[in-house]
């Protein structure tokens, strides 16, 4: 029991001390707030004294009111600074957007100009394609309606009610549709040209001397022997460059079937081609191929020389179709780029003297 009383006594003493300190703190805070309130309620007299003899203007204001006015002024100034800052930023953004808009308008104008150029180019392409298709004998398309004829006039002559960028987009779309439909005719033309190229490479039709040099010193057919003066049938053409060693080329793809020498032809080569063609190259100075070798059109097979019965260095060139001998000039004219100087040389310099 004595211990319990001591504990209760200590507890009461502790709470008493805490309560006293709380009361003291509250009293101190209350006194401070009272002094602040008392000071804040004190009035200040503000006097405005003019430099003239006019009446002095004065008014009274409490300390709290002065603090409130200063705080309100600070808030107003801060708000004004913030607003001006935001306005400046907004003005900068607006200026940037204006510049972007001007650039966009310029780009749009450029796009419209390019669209006009594209439309004009497409029209010219339409005309060129139509002419090419008519020449090679293919069809532009096999459509079922007016819009599928491959004819741009049906697009560009139609009325377009849209304005602005929508019109340009519509024109570009129509050009795109037309170009897509032009793919098949162009592919057909390419295929046809590829087939024609394959045919041309299998038929002897290029100048047999590399670089298209030389001239014809004796033509195919009836000619006068430069030594005997007798007339005979010349079964090929003689091509002269007045020198030996110029490269001789195969005039078509084929296979070498003869690499040999004869008293009249000298060194000569015979090439077998597709479609029953054979070509002979005589009076060569040297060979660049061997029997059984496959050659391509334009490939060097030997060099021009003066072997066999000749009056000078030249190439004797023949074309055979089956058992018939054909004038090579007829096939040389198949190539527009065959550089032929078809002028006979007086005196038949560089010609055959044998009867073949």
Foldseek 3Di string as FASTA:
>chain_A
DVVVVVVVVVVVVVVVVVVVVVVVVVVVVVVVVVVVVVQQQDKDKDWDDDPDPDDIDIDIDGNVVVVVVVVVVVVVVVVVVVVVVVVVVVVVVVVVVVVVVVVVVVVQVVLVVVLVVLLVVLQVVLVVLVVLCVVVVHAQDDDDDPLLRLHCCVVPVDDDPDDGPVVSVSSVVSSVVSVVSRPVSVVVSVVVVVVVVLVQQQDQAADFFPPLDFAWQAFAAWDAQLPPRDIAGQLETKTDPQDKFGFTWGRHWFFWADFDADQQFGTKTWTAGPQQKIKMKGQFPFADDDHGDTDTHPHGGGMWHHHHAWQGTIITMWMDRHPDTDGNVVRNVVDPPNNYPHDHDPSSRTDGNDHD
